[in-house]
Amino acid sequence: MRITSDVANQVDSGLDVQKQAKLADAAQQFEAMMLQEMLKPMRGGKDSWGGDDQGDGDNASDTIRSFGTEAFAKAISKSGGFGLAKQVISQVKLEHQKHSEKKTPSTKV
């Protein structure tokens, strides 16, 4: 089973290609940060990583766990995640349409 993300395809065609790529990337990064915060509580505690937490304050293992959580969150987001990136893109697209409609002068007489 392959899960693919269609976040980049959801960006408004009224935006140029560079802005579309930036928007899709920013939306995925936002979703990854949210997922990382949700996953943080799962990485700590007793018996984590197969051993007892002896309280020795090993910063190296904390850093490795942090990098692992970050990579896991990015992978989830890149493969579609929970749909937060899609929602962000939809909202930005809607705001862009509203803004462009306000800038265009009305031709009604």
PDB file of N, CA and C in Angstrom:
ATOM      1  N   MET A   1       0.843  -1.176   0.000  1.00  0.00           N
ATOM      2  CA  MET A   1       0.000   0.000   0.000  1.00  0.00           C
ATOM      3  C   MET A   1       0.881   1.229   0.000  1.00  0.00           C
ATOM      4  N   ARG A   2       0.610   2.138  -0.911  1.00  0.00           N
ATOM      5  CA  ARG A   2       1.408   3.348  -0.999  1.00  0.00           C
ATOM      6  C   ARG A   2       0.515   4.547  -0.744  1.00  0.00           C
ATOM      7  N   ILE A   3       0.936   5.387   0.175  1.00  0.00           N
ATOM      8  CA  ILE A   3       0.195   6.599   0.493  1.00  0.00           C
ATOM      9  C   ILE A   3       0.947   7.763  -0.110  1.00  0.00           C
ATOM     10  N   THR A   4       0.271   8.543  -0.932  1.00  0.00           N
ATOM     11  CA  THR A   4       0.913   9.695  -1.538  1.00  0.00           C
ATOM     12  C   THR A   4       0.181  10.955  -1.132  1.00  0.00           C
ATOM     13  N   SER A   5       0.921  12.026  -1.115  1.00  0.00           N
ATOM     14  CA  SER A   5       0.362  13.314  -0.751  1.00  0.00           C
ATOM     15  C   SER A   5       0.042  14.105  -2.009  1.00  0.00           C
ATOM     16  N   ASP A   6      -1.137  14.697  -2.034  1.00  0.00           N
ATOM     17  CA  ASP A   6      -1.491  15.539  -3.161  1.00  0.00           C
ATOM     18  C   ASP A   6      -1.619  16.989  -2.716  1.00  0.00           C
ATOM     19  N   VAL A   7      -0.848  17.346  -1.697  1.00  0.00           N
ATOM     20  CA  VAL A   7      -0.893  18.704  -1.160  1.00  0.00           C
ATOM     21  C   VAL A   7      -0.469  19.708  -2.213  1.00  0.00           C
ATOM     22  N   ALA A   8       0.580  19.428  -2.946  1.00  0.00           N
ATOM     23  CA  ALA A   8       1.071  20.367  -3.952  1.00  0.00           C
ATOM     24  C   ALA A   8       0.054  20.572  -5.070  1.00  0.00           C
ATOM     25  N   ASN A   9      -0.764  19.586  -5.358  1.00  0.00           N
ATOM     26  CA  ASN A   9      -1.754  19.692  -6.428  1.00  0.00           C
ATOM     27  C   ASN A   9      -2.963  20.515  -6.028  1.00  0.00           C
ATOM     28  N   GLN A  10      -3.117  20.796  -4.751  1.00  0.00           N
ATOM     29  CA  GLN A  10      -4.293  21.488  -4.261  1.00  0.00           C
ATOM     30  C   GLN A  10      -4.128  23.002  -4.300  1.00  0.00           C
ATOM     31  N   VAL A  11      -2.939  23.494  -4.569  1.00  0.00           N
ATOM     32  CA  VAL A  11      -2.675  24.924  -4.550  1.00  0.00           C
ATOM     33  C   VAL A  11      -3.374  25.579  -5.730  1.00  0.00           C
ATOM     34  N   ASP A  12      -3.838  26.796  -5.516  1.00  0.00           N
ATOM     35  CA  ASP A  12      -4.586  27.563  -6.511  1.00  0.00           C
ATOM     36  C   ASP A  12      -3.768  27.788  -7.781  1.00  0.00           C
ATOM     37  N   SER A  13      -4.399  27.603  -8.921  1.00  0.00           N
ATOM     38  CA  SER A  13      -3.707  27.804 -10.193  1.00  0.00           C
ATOM     39  C   SER A  13      -3.467  29.288 -10.468  1.00  0.00           C
ATOM     40  N   GLY A  14      -4.114  30.183  -9.713  1.00  0.00           N
ATOM     41  CA  GLY A  14      -3.897  31.612  -9.873  1.00  0.00           C
ATOM     42  C   GLY A  14      -2.559  32.060  -9.310  1.00  0.00           C
ATOM     43  N   LEU A  15      -1.929  31.242  -8.526  1.00  0.00           N
ATOM     44  CA  LEU A  15      -0.620  31.569  -7.975  1.00  0.00           C
ATOM     45  C   LEU A  15       0.455  31.054  -8.917  1.00  0.00           C
ATOM     46  N   ASP A  16       1.598  31.730  -8.922  1.00  0.00           N
ATOM     47  CA  ASP A  16       2.670  31.231  -9.772  1.00  0.00           C
ATOM     48  C   ASP A  16       3.289  29.976  -9.155  1.00  0.00           C
ATOM     49  N   VAL A  17       4.077  29.277  -9.947  1.00  0.00           N
ATOM     50  CA  VAL A  17       4.600  27.970  -9.556  1.00  0.00           C
ATOM     51  C   VAL A  17       5.475  28.065  -8.306  1.00  0.00           C
ATOM     52  N   GLN A  18       6.302  29.094  -8.228  1.00  0.00           N
ATOM     53  CA  GLN A  18       7.193  29.246  -7.075  1.00  0.00           C
ATOM     54  C   GLN A  18       6.381  29.466  -5.796  1.00  0.00           C
ATOM     55  N   LYS A  19       5.353  30.279  -5.861  1.00  0.00           N
ATOM     56  CA  LYS A  19       4.507  30.516  -4.686  1.00  0.00           C
ATOM     57  C   LYS A  19       3.742  29.259  -4.297  1.00  0.00           C
ATOM     58  N   GLN A  20       3.318  28.472  -5.293  1.00  0.00           N
ATOM     59  CA  GLN A  20       2.622  27.218  -5.017  1.00  0.00           C
ATOM     60  C   GLN A  20       3.532  26.267  -4.249  1.00  0.00           C
ATOM     61  N   ALA A  21       4.770  26.158  -4.691  1.00  0.00           N
ATOM     62  CA  ALA A  21       5.719  25.263  -4.034  1.00  0.00           C
ATOM     63  C   ALA A  21       6.004  25.724  -2.607  1.00  0.00           C
ATOM     64  N   LYS A  22       6.154  27.023  -2.417  1.00  0.00           N
ATOM     65  CA  LYS A  22       6.412  27.559  -1.078  1.00  0.00           C
ATOM     66  C   LYS A  22       5.219  27.318  -0.150  1.00  0.00           C
ATOM     67  N   LEU A  23       4.023  27.513  -0.671  1.00  0.00           N
ATOM     68  CA  LEU A  23       2.821  27.304   0.132  1.00  0.00           C
ATOM     69  C   LEU A  23       2.670  25.845   0.533  1.00  0.00           C
ATOM     70  N   ALA A  24       2.868  24.941  -0.407  1.00  0.00           N
ATOM     71  CA  ALA A  24       2.762  23.509  -0.104  1.00  0.00           C
ATOM     72  C   ALA A  24       3.821  23.091   0.918  1.00  0.00           C
ATOM     73  N   ASP A  25       5.043  23.591   0.755  1.00  0.00           N
ATOM     74  CA  ASP A  25       6.121  23.265   1.685  1.00  0.00           C
ATOM     75  C   ASP A  25       5.828  23.815   3.078  1.00  0.00           C
ATOM     76  N   ALA A  26       5.369  25.058   3.147  1.00  0.00           N
ATOM     77  CA  ALA A  26       5.061  25.662   4.450  1.00  0.00           C
ATOM     78  C   ALA A  26       3.917  24.930   5.148  1.00  0.00           C
ATOM     79  N   ALA A  27       2.913  24.530   4.384  1.00  0.00           N
ATOM     80  CA  ALA A  27       1.780  23.805   4.960  1.00  0.00           C
ATOM     81  C   ALA A  27       2.222  22.450   5.506  1.00  0.00           C
ATOM     82  N   GLN A  28       3.097  21.760   4.774  1.00  0.00           N
ATOM     83  CA  GLN A  28       3.602  20.472   5.262  1.00  0.00           C
ATOM     84  C   GLN A  28       4.486  20.648   6.486  1.00  0.00           C
ATOM     85  N   GLN A  29       5.297  21.703   6.503  1.00  0.00           N
ATOM     86  CA  GLN A  29       6.134  21.966   7.677  1.00  0.00           C
ATOM     87  C   GLN A  29       5.270  22.268   8.901  1.00  0.00           C
ATOM     88  N   PHE A  30       4.200  23.025   8.699  1.00  0.00           N
ATOM     89  CA  PHE A  30       3.294  23.334   9.806  1.00  0.00           C
ATOM     90  C   PHE A  30       2.667  22.062  10.365  1.00  0.00           C
ATOM     91  N   GLU A  31       2.198  21.209   9.461  1.00  0.00           N
ATOM     92  CA  GLU A  31       1.596  19.958   9.906  1.00  0.00           C
ATOM     93  C   GLU A  31       2.624  19.085  10.629  1.00  0.00           C
ATOM     94  N   ALA A  32       3.847  19.060  10.128  1.00  0.00           N
ATOM     95  CA  ALA A  32       4.903  18.265  10.766  1.00  0.00           C
ATOM     96  C   ALA A  32       5.195  18.780  12.177  1.00  0.00           C
ATOM     97  N   MET A  33       5.199  20.099  12.356  1.00  0.00           N
ATOM     98  CA  MET A  33       5.437  20.655  13.701  1.00  0.00           C
ATOM     99  C   MET A  33       4.305  20.285  14.649  1.00  0.00           C
ATOM    100  N   MET A  34       3.082  20.342  14.153  1.00  0.00           N
ATOM    101  CA  MET A  34       1.944  19.960  14.991  1.00  0.00           C
ATOM    102  C   MET A  34       2.030  18.484  15.384  1.00  0.00           C
ATOM    103  N   LEU A  35       2.355  17.635  14.421  1.00  0.00           N
ATOM    104  CA  LEU A  35       2.501  16.203  14.697  1.00  0.00           C
ATOM    105  C   LEU A  35       3.640  15.942  15.676  1.00  0.00           C
ATOM    106  N   GLN A  36       4.728  16.675  15.532  1.00  0.00           N
ATOM    107  CA  GLN A  36       5.873  16.499  16.427  1.00  0.00           C
ATOM    108  C   GLN A  36       5.467  16.818  17.873  1.00  0.00           C
ATOM    109  N   GLU A  37       4.699  17.869  18.051  1.00  0.00           N
ATOM    110  CA  GLU A  37       4.237  18.217  19.402  1.00  0.00           C
ATOM    111  C   GLU A  37       3.304  17.143  19.957  1.00  0.00           C
ATOM    112  N   MET A  38       2.507  16.546  19.089  1.00  0.00           N
ATOM    113  CA  MET A  38       1.605  15.478  19.538  1.00  0.00           C
ATOM    114  C   MET A  38       2.383  14.207  19.898  1.00  0.00           C
ATOM    115  N   LEU A  39       3.490  13.971  19.201  1.00  0.00           N
ATOM    116  CA  LEU A  39       4.273  12.756  19.427  1.00  0.00           C
ATOM    117  C   LEU A  39       5.249  12.871  20.597  1.00  0.00           C
ATOM    118  N   LYS A  40       5.565  14.076  21.041  1.00  0.00           N
ATOM    119  CA  LYS A  40       6.548  14.267  22.113  1.00  0.00           C
ATOM    120  C   LYS A  40       6.235  13.460  23.375  1.00  0.00           C
ATOM    121  N   PRO A  41       5.014  13.451  23.860  1.00  0.00           N
ATOM    122  CA  PRO A  41       4.743  12.691  25.089  1.00  0.00           C
ATOM    123  C   PRO A  41       4.980  11.193  24.945  1.00  0.00           C
ATOM    124  N   MET A  42       4.969  10.692  23.732  1.00  0.00           N
ATOM    125  CA  MET A  42       5.142   9.251  23.520  1.00  0.00           C
ATOM    126  C   MET A  42       6.597   8.818  23.628  1.00  0.00           C
ATOM    127  N   ARG A  43       7.537   9.736  23.545  1.00  0.00           N
ATOM    128  CA  ARG A  43       8.938   9.341  23.495  1.00  0.00           C
ATOM    129  C   ARG A  43       9.623   9.270  24.846  1.00  0.00           C
ATOM    130  N   GLY A  44       9.028   9.744  25.898  1.00  0.00           N
ATOM    131  CA  GLY A  44       9.695   9.765  27.201  1.00  0.00           C
ATOM    132  C   GLY A  44       9.132   8.734  28.151  1.00  0.00           C
ATOM    133  N   GLY A  45       9.741   8.656  29.309  1.00  0.00           N
ATOM    134  CA  GLY A  45       9.222   7.790  30.353  1.00  0.00           C
ATOM    135  C   GLY A  45      10.072   6.576  30.619  1.00  0.00           C
ATOM    136  N   LYS A  46       9.622   5.769  31.544  1.00  0.00           N
ATOM    137  CA  LYS A  46      10.319   4.540  31.930  1.00  0.00           C
ATOM    138  C   LYS A  46      10.293   3.531  30.799  1.00  0.00           C
ATOM    139  N   ASP A  47      11.303   2.718  30.774  1.00  0.00           N
ATOM    140  CA  ASP A  47      11.423   1.621  29.816  1.00  0.00           C
ATOM    141  C   ASP A  47      11.356   2.074  28.359  1.00  0.00           C
ATOM    142  N   SER A  48      11.725   3.310  28.114  1.00  0.00           N
ATOM    143  CA  SER A  48      11.731   3.743  26.725  1.00  0.00           C
ATOM    144  C   SER A  48      12.973   3.212  26.034  1.00  0.00           C
ATOM    145  N   TRP A  49      12.835   2.843  24.786  1.00  0.00           N
ATOM    146  CA  TRP A  49      13.904   2.293  23.962  1.00  0.00           C
ATOM    147  C   TRP A  49      14.459   1.006  24.552  1.00  0.00           C
ATOM    148  N   GLY A  50      13.641   0.281  25.269  1.00  0.00           N
ATOM    149  CA  GLY A  50      14.026  -1.042  25.731  1.00  0.00           C
ATOM    150  C   GLY A  50      14.853  -1.075  27.001  1.00  0.00           C
ATOM    151  N   GLY A  51      15.103   0.052  27.621  1.00  0.00           N
ATOM    152  CA  GLY A  51      15.904   0.065  28.843  1.00  0.00           C
ATOM    153  C   GLY A  51      15.244   0.902  29.915  1.00  0.00           C
ATOM    154  N   ASP A  52      15.737   0.765  31.127  1.00  0.00           N
ATOM    155  CA  ASP A  52      15.183   1.556  32.224  1.00  0.00           C
ATOM    156  C   ASP A  52      15.741   2.964  32.173  1.00  0.00           C
ATOM    157  N   ASP A  53      14.893   3.920  32.498  1.00  0.00           N
ATOM    158  CA  ASP A  53      15.324   5.308  32.567  1.00  0.00           C
ATOM    159  C   ASP A  53      15.949   5.520  33.940  1.00  0.00           C
ATOM    160  N   GLN A  54      17.261   5.619  33.986  1.00  0.00           N
ATOM    161  CA  GLN A  54      17.960   5.668  35.252  1.00  0.00           C
ATOM    162  C   GLN A  54      18.174   7.083  35.751  1.00  0.00           C
ATOM    163  N   GLY A  55      17.691   8.082  34.992  1.00  0.00           N
ATOM    164  CA  GLY A  55      17.798   9.450  35.459  1.00  0.00           C
ATOM    165  C   GLY A  55      19.212   9.998  35.407  1.00  0.00           C
ATOM    166  N   ASP A  56      20.063   9.464  34.557  1.00  0.00           N
ATOM    167  CA  ASP A  56      21.430   9.951  34.479  1.00  0.00           C
ATOM    168  C   ASP A  56      21.558  11.212  33.636  1.00  0.00           C
ATOM    169  N   GLY A  57      20.447  11.692  33.079  1.00  0.00           N
ATOM    170  CA  GLY A  57      20.471  12.940  32.328  1.00  0.00           C
ATOM    171  C   GLY A  57      21.257  12.843  31.034  1.00  0.00           C
ATOM    172  N   ASP A  58      21.134  11.747  30.339  1.00  0.00           N
ATOM    173  CA  ASP A  58      21.853  11.551  29.084  1.00  0.00           C
ATOM    174  C   ASP A  58      21.245  12.426  28.000  1.00  0.00           C
ATOM    175  N   ASN A  59      21.914  13.526  27.713  1.00  0.00           N
ATOM    176  CA  ASN A  59      21.412  14.468  26.712  1.00  0.00           C
ATOM    177  C   ASN A  59      21.506  13.914  25.302  1.00  0.00           C
ATOM    178  N   ALA A  60      22.461  13.032  25.064  1.00  0.00           N
ATOM    179  CA  ALA A  60      22.612  12.457  23.733  1.00  0.00           C
ATOM    180  C   ALA A  60      21.390  11.634  23.347  1.00  0.00           C
ATOM    181  N   SER A  61      20.908  10.816  24.255  1.00  0.00           N
ATOM    182  CA  SER A  61      19.734  10.005  23.927  1.00  0.00           C
ATOM    183  C   SER A  61      18.494  10.873  23.781  1.00  0.00           C
ATOM    184  N   ASP A  62      18.395  11.955  24.543  1.00  0.00           N
ATOM    185  CA  ASP A  62      17.279  12.883  24.375  1.00  0.00           C
ATOM    186  C   ASP A  62      17.323  13.531  22.994  1.00  0.00           C
ATOM    187  N   THR A  63      18.515  13.881  22.548  1.00  0.00           N
ATOM    188  CA  THR A  63      18.669  14.498  21.235  1.00  0.00           C
ATOM    189  C   THR A  63      18.303  13.516  20.133  1.00  0.00           C
ATOM    190  N   ILE A  64      18.751  12.290  20.269  1.00  0.00           N
ATOM    191  CA  ILE A  64      18.430  11.266  19.267  1.00  0.00           C
ATOM    192  C   ILE A  64      16.924  11.039  19.213  1.00  0.00           C
ATOM    193  N   ARG A  65      16.284  10.954  20.370  1.00  0.00           N
ATOM    194  CA  ARG A  65      14.825  10.782  20.402  1.00  0.00           C
ATOM    195  C   ARG A  65      14.127  11.965  19.740  1.00  0.00           C
ATOM    196  N   SER A  66      14.641  13.165  19.991  1.00  0.00           N
ATOM    197  CA  SER A  66      14.056  14.361  19.405  1.00  0.00           C
ATOM    198  C   SER A  66      14.170  14.334  17.883  1.00  0.00           C
ATOM    199  N   PHE A  67      15.353  13.968  17.372  1.00  0.00           N
ATOM    200  CA  PHE A  67      15.538  13.859  15.928  1.00  0.00           C
ATOM    201  C   PHE A  67      14.635  12.783  15.341  1.00  0.00           C
ATOM    202  N   GLY A  68      14.490  11.675  16.047  1.00  0.00           N
ATOM    203  CA  GLY A  68      13.625  10.597  15.577  1.00  0.00           C
ATOM    204  C   GLY A  68      12.177  11.031  15.501  1.00  0.00           C
ATOM    205  N   THR A  69      11.720  11.743  16.520  1.00  0.00           N
ATOM    206  CA  THR A  69      10.346  12.242  16.537  1.00  0.00           C
ATOM    207  C   THR A  69      10.122  13.231  15.407  1.00  0.00           C
ATOM    208  N   GLU A  70      11.104  14.104  15.186  1.00  0.00           N
ATOM    209  CA  GLU A  70      10.997  15.092  14.108  1.00  0.00           C
ATOM    210  C   GLU A  70      10.929  14.404  12.747  1.00  0.00           C
ATOM    211  N   ALA A  71      11.785  13.429  12.529  1.00  0.00           N
ATOM    212  CA  ALA A  71      11.791  12.711  11.246  1.00  0.00           C
ATOM    213  C   ALA A  71      10.488  11.951  11.036  1.00  0.00           C
ATOM    214  N   PHE A  72       9.981  11.339  12.097  1.00  0.00           N
ATOM    215  CA  PHE A  72       8.735  10.594  12.015  1.00  0.00           C
ATOM    216  C   PHE A  72       7.573  11.531  11.678  1.00  0.00           C
ATOM    217  N   ALA A  73       7.531  12.685  12.330  1.00  0.00           N
ATOM    218  CA  ALA A  73       6.466  13.655  12.081  1.00  0.00           C
ATOM    219  C   ALA A  73       6.530  14.178  10.644  1.00  0.00           C
ATOM    220  N   LYS A  74       7.739  14.452  10.145  1.00  0.00           N
ATOM    221  CA  LYS A  74       7.881  14.927   8.771  1.00  0.00           C
ATOM    222  C   LYS A  74       7.435  13.861   7.774  1.00  0.00           C
ATOM    223  N   ALA A  75       7.766  12.614   8.046  1.00  0.00           N
ATOM    224  CA  ALA A  75       7.371  11.528   7.147  1.00  0.00           C
ATOM    225  C   ALA A  75       5.854  11.371   7.116  1.00  0.00           C
ATOM    226  N   ILE A  76       5.219  11.463   8.263  1.00  0.00           N
ATOM    227  CA  ILE A  76       3.756  11.364   8.316  1.00  0.00           C
ATOM    228  C   ILE A  76       3.127  12.511   7.534  1.00  0.00           C
ATOM    229  N   SER A  77       3.625  13.717   7.745  1.00  0.00           N
ATOM    230  CA  SER A  77       3.079  14.889   7.064  1.00  0.00           C
ATOM    231  C   SER A  77       3.278  14.802   5.556  1.00  0.00           C
ATOM    232  N   LYS A  78       4.457  14.368   5.142  1.00  0.00           N
ATOM    233  CA  LYS A  78       4.765  14.287   3.716  1.00  0.00           C
ATOM    234  C   LYS A  78       3.885  13.259   3.001  1.00  0.00           C
ATOM    235  N   SER A  79       3.457  12.226   3.713  1.00  0.00           N
ATOM    236  CA  SER A  79       2.635  11.194   3.085  1.00  0.00           C
ATOM    237  C   SER A  79       1.139  11.472   3.230  1.00  0.00           C
ATOM    238  N   GLY A  80       0.780  12.656   3.642  1.00  0.00           N
ATOM    239  CA  GLY A  80      -0.633  13.016   3.717  1.00  0.00           C
ATOM    240  C   GLY A  80      -1.070  13.411   5.105  1.00  0.00           C
ATOM    241  N   GLY A  81      -0.414  12.861   6.112  1.00  0.00           N
ATOM    242  CA  GLY A  81      -0.691  13.230   7.492  1.00  0.00           C
ATOM    243  C   GLY A  81      -2.151  13.124   7.870  1.00  0.00           C
ATOM    244  N   PHE A  82      -2.602  14.088   8.638  1.00  0.00           N
ATOM    245  CA  PHE A  82      -3.992  14.140   9.088  1.00  0.00           C
ATOM    246  C   PHE A  82      -4.831  15.084   8.240  1.00  0.00           C
ATOM    247  N   GLY A  83      -4.234  15.638   7.205  1.00  0.00           N
ATOM    248  CA  GLY A  83      -4.967  16.550   6.332  1.00  0.00           C
ATOM    249  C   GLY A  83      -4.870  18.002   6.745  1.00  0.00           C
ATOM    250  N   LEU A  84      -4.030  18.308   7.723  1.00  0.00           N
ATOM    251  CA  LEU A  84      -3.888  19.697   8.158  1.00  0.00           C
ATOM    252  C   LEU A  84      -3.298  20.561   7.048  1.00  0.00           C
ATOM    253  N   ALA A  85      -2.309  20.046   6.346  1.00  0.00           N
ATOM    254  CA  ALA A  85      -1.688  20.814   5.266  1.00  0.00           C
ATOM    255  C   ALA A  85      -2.718  21.149   4.190  1.00  0.00           C
ATOM    256  N   LYS A  86      -3.579  20.196   3.863  1.00  0.00           N
ATOM    257  CA  LYS A  86      -4.621  20.445   2.864  1.00  0.00           C
ATOM    258  C   LYS A  86      -5.566  21.549   3.334  1.00  0.00           C
ATOM    259  N   GLN A  87      -5.906  21.525   4.605  1.00  0.00           N
ATOM    260  CA  GLN A  87      -6.803  22.543   5.148  1.00  0.00           C
ATOM    261  C   GLN A  87      -6.150  23.925   5.134  1.00  0.00           C
ATOM    262  N   VAL A  88      -4.867  23.980   5.462  1.00  0.00           N
ATOM    263  CA  VAL A  88      -4.141  25.250   5.432  1.00  0.00           C
ATOM    264  C   VAL A  88      -4.128  25.801   4.014  1.00  0.00           C
ATOM    265  N   ILE A  89      -3.834  24.939   3.043  1.00  0.00           N
ATOM    266  CA  ILE A  89      -3.801  25.375   1.647  1.00  0.00           C
ATOM    267  C   ILE A  89      -5.183  25.850   1.200  1.00  0.00           C
ATOM    268  N   SER A  90      -6.215  25.139   1.576  1.00  0.00           N
ATOM    269  CA  SER A  90      -7.579  25.550   1.208  1.00  0.00           C
ATOM    270  C   SER A  90      -7.916  26.918   1.770  1.00  0.00           C
ATOM    271  N   GLN A  91      -7.534  27.146   3.026  1.00  0.00           N
ATOM    272  CA  GLN A  91      -7.831  28.434   3.664  1.00  0.00           C
ATOM    273  C   GLN A  91      -7.036  29.563   3.016  1.00  0.00           C
ATOM    274  N   VAL A  92      -5.769  29.326   2.724  1.00  0.00           N
ATOM    275  CA  VAL A  92      -4.953  30.347   2.070  1.00  0.00           C
ATOM    276  C   VAL A  92      -5.496  30.644   0.680  1.00  0.00           C
ATOM    277  N   LYS A  93      -5.922  29.603  -0.026  1.00  0.00           N
ATOM    278  CA  LYS A  93      -6.495  29.774  -1.362  1.00  0.00           C
ATOM    279  C   LYS A  93      -7.766  30.622  -1.288  1.00  0.00           C
ATOM    280  N   LEU A  94      -8.609  30.361  -0.315  1.00  0.00           N
ATOM    281  CA  LEU A  94      -9.838  31.123  -0.139  1.00  0.00           C
ATOM    282  C   LEU A  94      -9.533  32.588   0.161  1.00  0.00           C
ATOM    283  N   GLU A  95      -8.567  32.824   1.059  1.00  0.00           N
ATOM    284  CA  GLU A  95      -8.189  34.197   1.396  1.00  0.00           C
ATOM    285  C   GLU A  95      -7.582  34.911   0.188  1.00  0.00           C
ATOM    286  N   HIS A  96      -6.816  34.177  -0.612  1.00  0.00           N
ATOM    287  CA  HIS A  96      -6.219  34.764  -1.816  1.00  0.00           C
ATOM    288  C   HIS A  96      -7.307  35.171  -2.804  1.00  0.00           C
ATOM    289  N   GLN A  97      -8.328  34.343  -2.957  1.00  0.00           N
ATOM    290  CA  GLN A  97      -9.434  34.671  -3.860  1.00  0.00           C
ATOM    291  C   GLN A  97     -10.185  35.895  -3.367  1.00  0.00           C
ATOM    292  N   LYS A  98     -10.442  35.961  -2.060  1.00  0.00           N
ATOM    293  CA  LYS A  98     -11.141  37.121  -1.500  1.00  0.00           C
ATOM    294  C   LYS A  98     -10.335  38.390  -1.720  1.00  0.00           C
ATOM    295  N   HIS A  99      -9.028  38.292  -1.495  1.00  0.00           N
ATOM    296  CA  HIS A  99      -8.167  39.454  -1.647  1.00  0.00           C
ATOM    297  C   HIS A  99      -8.100  39.904  -3.098  1.00  0.00           C
ATOM    298  N   SER A 100      -8.018  38.971  -4.031  1.00  0.00           N
ATOM    299  CA  SER A 100      -7.933  39.335  -5.446  1.00  0.00           C
ATOM    300  C   SER A 100      -9.261  39.907  -5.942  1.00  0.00           C
ATOM    301  N   GLU A 101     -10.379  39.466  -5.382  1.00  0.00           N
ATOM    302  CA  GLU A 101     -11.685  40.024  -5.758  1.00  0.00           C
ATOM    303  C   GLU A 101     -11.816  41.460  -5.276  1.00  0.00           C
ATOM    304  N   LYS A 102     -11.251  41.771  -4.118  1.00  0.00           N
ATOM    305  CA  LYS A 102     -11.303  43.139  -3.596  1.00  0.00           C
ATOM    306  C   LYS A 102     -10.436  44.078  -4.422  1.00  0.00           C
ATOM    307  N   LYS A 103      -9.321  43.581  -4.942  1.00  0.00           N
ATOM    308  CA  LYS A 103      -8.413  44.411  -5.741  1.00  0.00           C
ATOM    309  C   LYS A 103      -8.961  44.695  -7.123  1.00  0.00           C
ATOM    310  N   THR A 104      -9.762  43.771  -7.669  1.00  0.00           N
ATOM    311  CA  THR A 104     -10.314  43.946  -9.002  1.00  0.00           C
ATOM    312  C   THR A 104     -11.507  44.903  -8.930  1.00  0.00           C
ATOM    313  N   PRO A 105     -11.423  46.030  -9.650  1.00  0.00           N
ATOM    314  CA  PRO A 105     -12.531  46.988  -9.597  1.00  0.00           C
ATOM    315  C   PRO A 105     -13.783  46.434 -10.274  1.00  0.00           C
ATOM    316  N   SER A 106     -14.895  46.773  -9.734  1.00  0.00           N
ATOM    317  CA  SER A 106     -16.168  46.310 -10.272  1.00  0.00           C
ATOM    318  C   SER A 106     -16.481  47.020 -11.585  1.00  0.00           C
ATOM    319  N   THR A 107     -17.000  46.301 -12.550  1.00  0.00           N
ATOM    320  CA  THR A 107     -17.337  46.890 -13.846  1.00  0.00           C
ATOM    321  C   THR A 107     -18.826  47.134 -13.978  1.00  0.00           C
ATOM    322  N   LYS A 108     -19.567  46.923 -12.894  1.00  0.00           N
ATOM    323  CA  LYS A 108     -21.013  47.149 -12.955  1.00  0.00           C
ATOM    324  C   LYS A 108     -21.295  48.647 -12.968  1.00  0.00           C
ATOM    325  N   VAL A 109     -22.349  49.024 -13.702  1.00  0.00           N
ATOM    326  CA  VAL A 109     -22.726  50.425 -13.799  1.00  0.00           C
ATOM    327  C   VAL A 109     -24.027  50.658 -13.111  1.00  0.00           C
TER     328      VAL A 109
END
